[in-house]
C-alpha atoms as a PDB file:
ATOM      1  CA  MET A   1     -88.655 -10.904  38.024  1.00  0.00           C
ATOM      2  CA  LEU A   2     -90.655 -11.843  34.867  1.00  0.00           C
ATOM      3  CA  VAL A   3     -90.531  -8.443  33.531  1.00  0.00           C
ATOM      4  CA  VAL A   4     -86.804  -7.989  34.138  1.00  0.00           C
ATOM      5  CA  GLY A   5     -86.178 -11.421  32.174  1.00  0.00           C
ATOM      6  CA  LEU A   6     -88.716 -10.559  29.305  1.00  0.00           C
ATOM      7  CA  LEU A   7     -86.839  -7.000  29.123  1.00  0.00           C
ATOM      8  CA  ALA A   8     -83.518  -8.987  28.878  1.00  0.00           C
ATOM      9  CA  ALA A   9     -84.374 -11.264  26.580  1.00  0.00           C
ATOM     10  CA  ALA A  10     -85.957  -8.953  24.313  1.00  0.00           C
ATOM     11  CA  GLY A  11     -82.636  -7.084  24.387  1.00  0.00           C
ATOM     12  CA  TRP A  12     -80.708 -10.060  23.828  1.00  0.00           C
ATOM     13  CA  VAL A  13     -82.516 -10.817  20.382  1.00  0.00           C
ATOM     14  CA  LEU A  14     -82.439  -7.104  19.646  1.00  0.00           C
ATOM     15  CA  LEU A  15     -79.156  -6.701  20.341  1.00  0.00           C
ATOM     16  CA  GLY A  16     -76.623  -9.826  20.913  1.00  0.00           C
ATOM     17  CA  SER A  17     -78.743 -12.808  18.810  1.00  0.00           C
ATOM     18  CA  LYS A  18     -78.238 -13.849  15.185  1.00  0.00           C
ATOM     19  CA  LEU A  19     -81.639 -13.578  14.882  1.00  0.00           C
ATOM     20  CA  LEU A  20     -82.081  -9.961  13.889  1.00  0.00           C
ATOM     21  CA  VAL A  21     -79.575  -8.952  11.918  1.00  0.00           C
ATOM     22  CA  VAL A  22     -78.502  -7.355   8.623  1.00  0.00           C
ATOM     23  CA  ARG A  23     -78.564 -10.334   6.084  1.00  0.00           C
ATOM     24  CA  HIS A  24     -79.460  -7.900   2.919  1.00  0.00           C
ATOM     25  CA  VAL A  25     -79.046  -4.472   1.768  1.00  0.00           C
ATOM     26  CA  GLU A  26     -81.498  -3.717  -1.193  1.00  0.00           C
ATOM     27  CA  VAL A  27     -81.206  -0.023  -2.991  1.00  0.00           C
ATOM     28  CA  ALA A  28     -83.484   1.369  -5.187  1.00  0.00           C
ATOM     29  CA  GLY A  29     -84.143   4.435  -7.532  1.00  0.00           C
ATOM     30  CA  ASN A  30     -80.899   4.821  -8.695  1.00  0.00           C
ATOM     31  CA  ARG A  31     -80.028   5.401 -12.419  1.00  0.00           C
ATOM     32  CA  LEU A  32     -76.703   7.119 -12.573  1.00  0.00           C
ATOM     33  CA  ALA A  33     -74.696   6.065  -9.159  1.00  0.00           C
ATOM     34  CA  PRO A  34     -73.910   2.189  -9.247  1.00  0.00           C
ATOM     35  CA  ARG A  35     -76.041   0.043  -6.692  1.00  0.00           C
ATOM     36  CA  ASP A  36     -72.022  -1.074  -5.442  1.00  0.00           C
ATOM     37  CA  ARG A  37     -70.949   2.674  -5.176  1.00  0.00           C
ATOM     38  CA  ILE A  38     -74.043   3.002  -2.922  1.00  0.00           C
ATOM     39  CA  GLU A  39     -73.453   0.175  -0.757  1.00  0.00           C
ATOM     40  CA  ALA A  40     -70.165   1.035  -0.351  1.00  0.00           C
ATOM     41  CA  ALA A  41     -70.889   4.680   0.236  1.00  0.00           C
ATOM     42  CA  ALA A  42     -73.087   3.059   3.133  1.00  0.00           C
ATOM     43  CA  GLY A  43     -70.909   1.112   4.540  1.00  0.00           C
ATOM     44  CA  ILE A  44     -74.008  -1.068   6.220  1.00  0.00           C
ATOM     45  CA  SER A  45     -71.941  -4.132   7.454  1.00  0.00           C
ATOM     46  CA  LEU A  46     -73.995  -7.741   6.958  1.00  0.00           C
ATOM     47  CA  GLY A  47     -74.136  -9.256  10.050  1.00  0.00           C
ATOM     48  CA  SER A  48     -74.527  -6.650  12.301  1.00  0.00           C
ATOM     49  CA  PRO A  49     -77.858  -6.140  14.591  1.00  0.00           C
ATOM     50  CA  MET A  50     -80.594  -4.496  12.981  1.00  0.00           C
ATOM     51  CA  ALA A  51     -81.448  -2.705  16.308  1.00  0.00           C
ATOM     52  CA  ARG A  52     -77.677  -1.150  16.287  1.00  0.00           C
ATOM     53  CA  LEU A  53     -77.900   0.060  12.634  1.00  0.00           C
ATOM     54  CA  ASP A  54     -77.138   4.603  12.384  1.00  0.00           C
ATOM     55  CA  THR A  55     -79.409   5.028   9.934  1.00  0.00           C
ATOM     56  CA  GLY A  56     -79.636   8.712   9.856  1.00  0.00           C
ATOM     57  CA  ALA A  57     -75.229   8.208   9.319  1.00  0.00           C
ATOM     58  CA  VAL A  58     -75.926   5.844   6.801  1.00  0.00           C
ATOM     59  CA  ARG A  59     -78.266   8.141   5.082  1.00  0.00           C
ATOM     60  CA  ASP A  60     -75.484  11.338   5.746  1.00  0.00           C
ATOM     61  CA  ARG A  61     -73.072   8.947   3.995  1.00  0.00           C
ATOM     62  CA  VAL A  62     -74.981   8.100   1.074  1.00  0.00           C
ATOM     63  CA  ARG A  63     -75.868  11.594   0.794  1.00  0.00           C
ATOM     64  CA  ARG A  64     -72.052  13.107  -0.051  1.00  0.00           C
ATOM     65  CA  LEU A  65     -72.330  10.958  -3.116  1.00  0.00           C
ATOM     66  CA  ARG A  66     -72.381  13.636  -6.298  1.00  0.00           C
ATOM     67  CA  GLU A  67     -75.139  12.284  -7.517  1.00  0.00           C
ATOM     68  CA  VAL A  68     -77.387  11.724  -4.827  1.00  0.00           C
ATOM     69  CA  ALA A  69     -79.751  14.761  -3.643  1.00  0.00           C
ATOM     70  CA  SER A  70     -81.653  13.038  -1.050  1.00  0.00           C
ATOM     71  CA  ALA A  71     -81.616   9.695   0.822  1.00  0.00           C
ATOM     72  CA  LYS A  72     -83.617   7.651   3.042  1.00  0.00           C
ATOM     73  CA  VAL A  73     -82.979   4.590   4.975  1.00  0.00           C
ATOM     74  CA  GLU A  74     -85.349   1.990   6.195  1.00  0.00           C
ATOM     75  CA  ARG A  75     -85.198  -1.325   8.333  1.00  0.00           C
ATOM     76  CA  ARG A  76     -87.491  -3.589   7.242  1.00  0.00           C
ATOM     77  CA  TRP A  77     -87.726  -6.738   9.806  1.00  0.00           C
ATOM     78  CA  PRO A  78     -86.405  -9.228  10.400  1.00  0.00           C
ATOM     79  CA  GLY A  79     -82.826  -8.395   8.277  1.00  0.00           C
ATOM     80  CA  THR A  80     -82.913  -6.148   5.259  1.00  0.00           C
ATOM     81  CA  VAL A  81     -81.782  -2.227   5.269  1.00  0.00           C
ATOM     82  CA  ARG A  82     -83.666  -0.357   2.269  1.00  0.00           C
ATOM     83  CA  ILE A  83     -82.035   2.421   0.669  1.00  0.00           C
ATOM     84  CA  VAL A  84     -83.645   4.525  -1.312  1.00  0.00           C
ATOM     85  CA  VAL A  85     -82.086   7.517  -3.094  1.00  0.00           C
ATOM     86  CA  THR A  86     -83.444  10.711  -5.207  1.00  0.00           C
ATOM     87  CA  GLU A  87     -80.736  11.190  -7.716  1.00  0.00           C
ATOM     88  CA  ARG A  88     -79.615  15.066  -9.055  1.00  0.00           C
ATOM     89  CA  THR A  89     -81.028  15.550 -12.078  1.00  0.00           C
ATOM     90  CA  PRO A  90     -78.667  16.395 -15.342  1.00  0.00           C
ATOM     91  CA  ARG A  91     -80.095  19.615 -17.280  1.00  0.00           C
ATOM     92  CA  ALA A  92     -76.528  20.314 -19.437  1.00  0.00           C
ATOM     93  CA  VAL A  93     -73.277  19.014 -20.365  1.00  0.00           C
ATOM     94  CA  VAL A  94     -69.955  20.337 -20.236  1.00  0.00           C
ATOM     95  CA  SER A  95     -66.888  18.846 -22.599  1.00  0.00           C
ATOM     96  CA  ARG A  96     -63.590  19.214 -21.024  1.00  0.00           C
ATOM     97  CA  GLY A  97     -60.361  17.324 -22.007  1.00  0.00           C
ATOM     98  CA  GLY A  98     -62.131  14.695 -24.489  1.00  0.00           C
ATOM     99  CA  ARG A  99     -64.758  13.751 -21.127  1.00  0.00           C
ATOM    100  CA  TYR A 100     -68.317  15.247 -20.780  1.00  0.00           C
ATOM    101  CA  TYR A 101     -69.701  15.961 -17.783  1.00  0.00           C
ATOM    102  CA  ARG A 102     -73.217  16.574 -17.038  1.00  0.00           C
ATOM    103  CA  LEU A 103     -74.305  19.054 -14.180  1.00  0.00           C
ATOM    104  CA  ASP A 104     -77.642  19.775 -12.333  1.00  0.00           C
ATOM    105  CA  GLY A 105     -79.349  22.736 -11.981  1.00  0.00           C
ATOM    106  CA  SER A 106     -77.123  23.619  -9.148  1.00  0.00           C
ATOM    107  CA  GLY A 107     -73.824  23.458 -11.546  1.00  0.00           C
ATOM    108  CA  ILE A 108     -72.745  19.781  -9.546  1.00  0.00           C
ATOM    109  CA  THR A 109     -71.278  17.251 -11.850  1.00  0.00           C
ATOM    110  CA  VAL A 110     -73.475  14.360 -11.513  1.00  0.00           C
ATOM    111  CA  ALA A 111     -71.585  11.556 -13.804  1.00  0.00           C
ATOM    112  CA  ASP A 112     -69.356  11.757 -16.581  1.00  0.00           C
ATOM    113  CA  GLY A 113     -68.247   9.663 -19.730  1.00  0.00           C
ATOM    114  CA  THR A 114     -66.234   9.613 -22.881  1.00  0.00           C
ATOM    115  CA  THR A 115     -69.497  10.205 -24.670  1.00  0.00           C
ATOM    116  CA  ARG A 116     -71.773  12.462 -25.053  1.00  0.00           C
ATOM    117  CA  PRO A 117     -74.849  11.516 -23.611  1.00  0.00           C
ATOM    118  CA  ALA A 118     -77.900  12.245 -25.767  1.00  0.00           C
ATOM    119  CA  GLY A 119     -81.279  14.277 -24.738  1.00  0.00           C
ATOM    120  CA  LEU A 120     -78.901  17.191 -22.932  1.00  0.00           C
ATOM    121  CA  PRO A 121     -77.506  20.597 -24.052  1.00  0.00           C
ATOM    122  CA  LEU A 122     -73.910  21.350 -24.434  1.00  0.00           C
ATOM    123  CA  LEU A 123     -73.813  24.232 -21.775  1.00  0.00           C
ATOM    124  CA  VAL A 124     -71.076  26.814 -23.805  1.00  0.00           C
ATOM    125  CA  VAL A 125     -69.435  28.953 -20.898  1.00  0.00           C
ATOM    126  CA  ALA A 126     -66.267  29.949 -19.216  1.00  0.00           C
ATOM    127  CA  ALA A 127     -65.988  28.454 -15.882  1.00  0.00           C
ATOM    128  CA  PRO A 128     -68.640  25.843 -15.616  1.00  0.00           C
ATOM    129  CA  GLY A 129     -69.117  25.267 -11.914  1.00  0.00           C
ATOM    130  CA  PRO A 130     -71.712  25.858  -9.071  1.00  0.00           C
ATOM    131  CA  SER A 131     -69.884  28.990  -8.344  1.00  0.00           C
ATOM    132  CA  ASP A 132     -70.021  30.821 -11.325  1.00  0.00           C
ATOM    133  CA  PRO A 133     -73.359  32.998 -12.252  1.00  0.00           C
ATOM    134  CA  SER A 134     -73.309  32.365 -15.844  1.00  0.00           C
ATOM    135  CA  SER A 135     -74.057  28.987 -15.599  1.00  0.00           C
ATOM    136  CA  LEU A 136     -76.311  29.043 -13.074  1.00  0.00           C
ATOM    137  CA  ALA A 137     -78.406  31.378 -15.131  1.00  0.00           C
ATOM    138  CA  ALA A 138     -77.940  29.539 -18.116  1.00  0.00           C
ATOM    139  CA  LEU A 139     -78.811  26.221 -16.268  1.00  0.00           C
ATOM    140  CA  HIS A 140     -82.281  28.318 -14.159  1.00  0.00           C
ATOM    141  CA  VAL A 141     -82.941  29.143 -18.076  1.00  0.00           C
ATOM    142  CA  VAL A 142     -83.033  25.174 -19.058  1.00  0.00           C
ATOM    143  CA  GLY A 143     -84.326  23.989 -16.083  1.00  0.00           C
ATOM    144  CA  ARG A 144     -87.697  26.669 -16.871  1.00  0.00           C
ATOM    145  CA  LEU A 145     -87.900  25.540 -20.451  1.00  0.00           C
ATOM    146  CA  PRO A 146     -91.244  23.388 -21.087  1.00  0.00           C
ATOM    147  CA  ALA A 147     -90.066  19.420 -22.026  1.00  0.00           C
ATOM    148  CA  SER A 148     -91.114  19.951 -25.735  1.00  0.00           C
ATOM    149  CA  LEU A 149     -88.391  22.965 -26.160  1.00  0.00           C
ATOM    150  CA  ARG A 150     -85.992  21.371 -24.281  1.00  0.00           C
ATOM    151  CA  ARG A 151     -85.920  18.199 -26.159  1.00  0.00           C
ATOM    152  CA  ARG A 152     -85.074  20.718 -29.149  1.00  0.00           C
ATOM    153  CA  LEU A 153     -82.408  22.580 -27.263  1.00  0.00           C
ATOM    154  CA  ALA A 154     -79.050  21.792 -28.824  1.00  0.00           C
ATOM    155  CA  GLU A 155     -76.721  24.458 -26.915  1.00  0.00           C
ATOM    156  CA  VAL A 156     -76.633  27.276 -24.427  1.00  0.00           C
ATOM    157  CA  SER A 157     -74.197  29.494 -24.078  1.00  0.00           C
ATOM    158  CA  ALA A 158     -73.600  32.799 -21.485  1.00  0.00           C
ATOM    159  CA  PRO A 159     -70.894  34.865 -21.952  1.00  0.00           C
ATOM    160  CA  SER A 160     -72.111  36.598 -19.086  1.00  0.00           C
ATOM    161  CA  PRO A 161     -75.154  35.903 -16.472  1.00  0.00           C
ATOM    162  CA  GLU A 162     -77.200  38.529 -18.744  1.00  0.00           C
ATOM    163  CA  ALA A 163     -76.556  37.144 -22.265  1.00  0.00           C
ATOM    164  CA  VAL A 164     -77.859  33.503 -22.325  1.00  0.00           C
ATOM    165  CA  THR A 165     -78.638  32.393 -26.099  1.00  0.00           C
ATOM    166  CA  LEU A 166     -80.080  29.150 -26.666  1.00  0.00           C
ATOM    167  CA  ARG A 167     -79.185  27.143 -30.195  1.00  0.00           C
ATOM    168  CA  LEU A 168     -81.982  24.525 -31.168  1.00  0.00           C
ATOM    169  CA  ALA A 169     -81.493  21.850 -33.040  1.00  0.00           C
ATOM    170  CA  ASP A 170     -83.287  22.858 -35.888  1.00  0.00           C
ATOM    171  CA  GLY A 171     -80.885  25.734 -36.589  1.00  0.00           C
ATOM    172  CA  LEU A 172     -83.030  28.651 -34.335  1.00  0.00           C
ATOM    173  CA  THR A 173     -80.792  30.766 -32.293  1.00  0.00           C
ATOM    174  CA  ILE A 174     -82.951  31.993 -28.926  1.00  0.00           C
ATOM    175  CA  VAL A 175     -81.292  35.437 -27.914  1.00  0.00           C
ATOM    176  CA  TRP A 176     -82.688  34.956 -24.134  1.00  0.00           C
ATOM    177  CA  GLY A 177     -80.700  37.094 -22.056  1.00  0.00           C
ATOM    178  CA  SER A 178     -80.748  37.507 -18.097  1.00  0.00           C
ATOM    179  CA  ASP A 179     -82.633  34.389 -16.549  1.00  0.00           C
ATOM    180  CA  GLU A 180     -85.122  37.168 -15.383  1.00  0.00           C
ATOM    181  CA  ARG A 181     -88.963  36.890 -17.099  1.00  0.00           C
ATOM    182  CA  THR A 182     -88.749  34.098 -17.714  1.00  0.00           C
ATOM    183  CA  PRO A 183     -92.383  32.950 -18.089  1.00  0.00           C
ATOM    184  CA  GLU A 184     -92.759  36.228 -20.255  1.00  0.00           C
ATOM    185  CA  LYS A 185     -90.060  35.427 -22.551  1.00  0.00           C
ATOM    186  CA  LEU A 186     -91.782  31.806 -22.947  1.00  0.00           C
ATOM    187  CA  ARG A 187     -94.850  33.132 -24.185  1.00  0.00           C
ATOM    188  CA  LEU A 188     -93.149  35.433 -26.683  1.00  0.00           C
ATOM    189  CA  VAL A 189     -91.437  32.619 -27.984  1.00  0.00           C
ATOM    190  CA  GLU A 190     -94.144  30.196 -28.564  1.00  0.00           C
ATOM    191  CA  ALA A 191     -96.402  33.336 -29.792  1.00  0.00           C
ATOM    192  CA  LEU A 192     -93.391  34.247 -32.571  1.00  0.00           C
ATOM    193  CA  ARG A 193     -93.248  30.284 -33.882  1.00  0.00           C
ATOM    194  CA  ARG A 194     -96.371  30.129 -34.920  1.00  0.00           C
ATOM    195  CA  SER A 195     -96.246  33.268 -36.554  1.00  0.00           C
ATOM    196  CA  PRO A 196     -94.557  33.956 -40.142  1.00  0.00           C
ATOM    197  CA  ALA A 197     -92.057  36.227 -39.232  1.00  0.00           C
ATOM    198  CA  GLY A 198     -90.858  33.172 -36.491  1.00  0.00           C
ATOM    199  CA  ARG A 199     -90.895  30.483 -38.615  1.00  0.00           C
ATOM    200  CA  SER A 200     -89.107  32.147 -41.390  1.00  0.00           C
ATOM    201  CA  ALA A 201     -86.562  33.418 -38.782  1.00  0.00           C
ATOM    202  CA  ASN A 202     -82.840  32.570 -37.798  1.00  0.00           C
ATOM    203  CA  THR A 203     -82.739  34.512 -35.049  1.00  0.00           C
ATOM    204  CA  ILE A 204     -85.843  35.182 -32.107  1.00  0.00           C
ATOM    205  CA  ASP A 205     -84.437  38.022 -29.626  1.00  0.00           C
ATOM    206  CA  VAL A 206     -86.499  38.135 -26.440  1.00  0.00           C
ATOM    207  CA  SER A 207     -83.975  39.853 -24.263  1.00  0.00           C
ATOM    208  CA  SER A 208     -85.998  43.052 -23.949  1.00  0.00           C
ATOM    209  CA  PRO A 209     -89.664  41.448 -23.792  1.00  0.00           C
ATOM    210  CA  GLU A 210     -91.095  45.085 -24.875  1.00  0.00           C
ATOM    211  CA  VAL A 211     -89.023  45.410 -27.395  1.00  0.00           C
ATOM    212  CA  VAL A 212     -88.793  41.692 -29.561  1.00  0.00           C
ATOM    213  CA  THR A 213     -86.871  40.883 -32.824  1.00  0.00           C
ATOM    214  CA  THR A 214     -86.706  38.304 -35.301  1.00  0.00           C
ATOM    215  CA  HIS A 215     -84.032  38.108 -38.621  1.00  0.00           C
END
């Protein structure tokens, strides 16, 4: 009887009393998604029993936000729930109708606004989005560039998946071609930019690595 009584008391503390209820919700890891949107998506009611919280369901709801790639939900006894999000990384920006849409490497829109964000190249394709092969090819190339080159990238265009072109802020155009053989093309571009011919060139064409041209 003593054991049964102890179990009943423990169950009451966990599920029925006001001692172990949700009192605080913490959010971490967010830069794009506002805290209030994450909390609203989580749908956690303050005052509900900590033990009854379905952390998996909360995680799944938060993951539906366009900015969020993954989420982790933790109970921190006695009364705090902590939500840690990993957000999608914007790779380029699309201009449409007076707004700027930030796309991640999969072509998913993660944020938008009326001001062009700094540090992201303009993506120029016919139909930007996650199902467009040209978008995916261009974003794949951008994602593989070293940070030193990506910082100088002003625009990436792709009329087709095999015709990616990079335009740097200093005016240099790099005809990239398809998103294949990227490491090899990177080595060629870096070598050419260190050479006299490359430093004076307006265009470097590495679309066919066997026959590299500058002009």
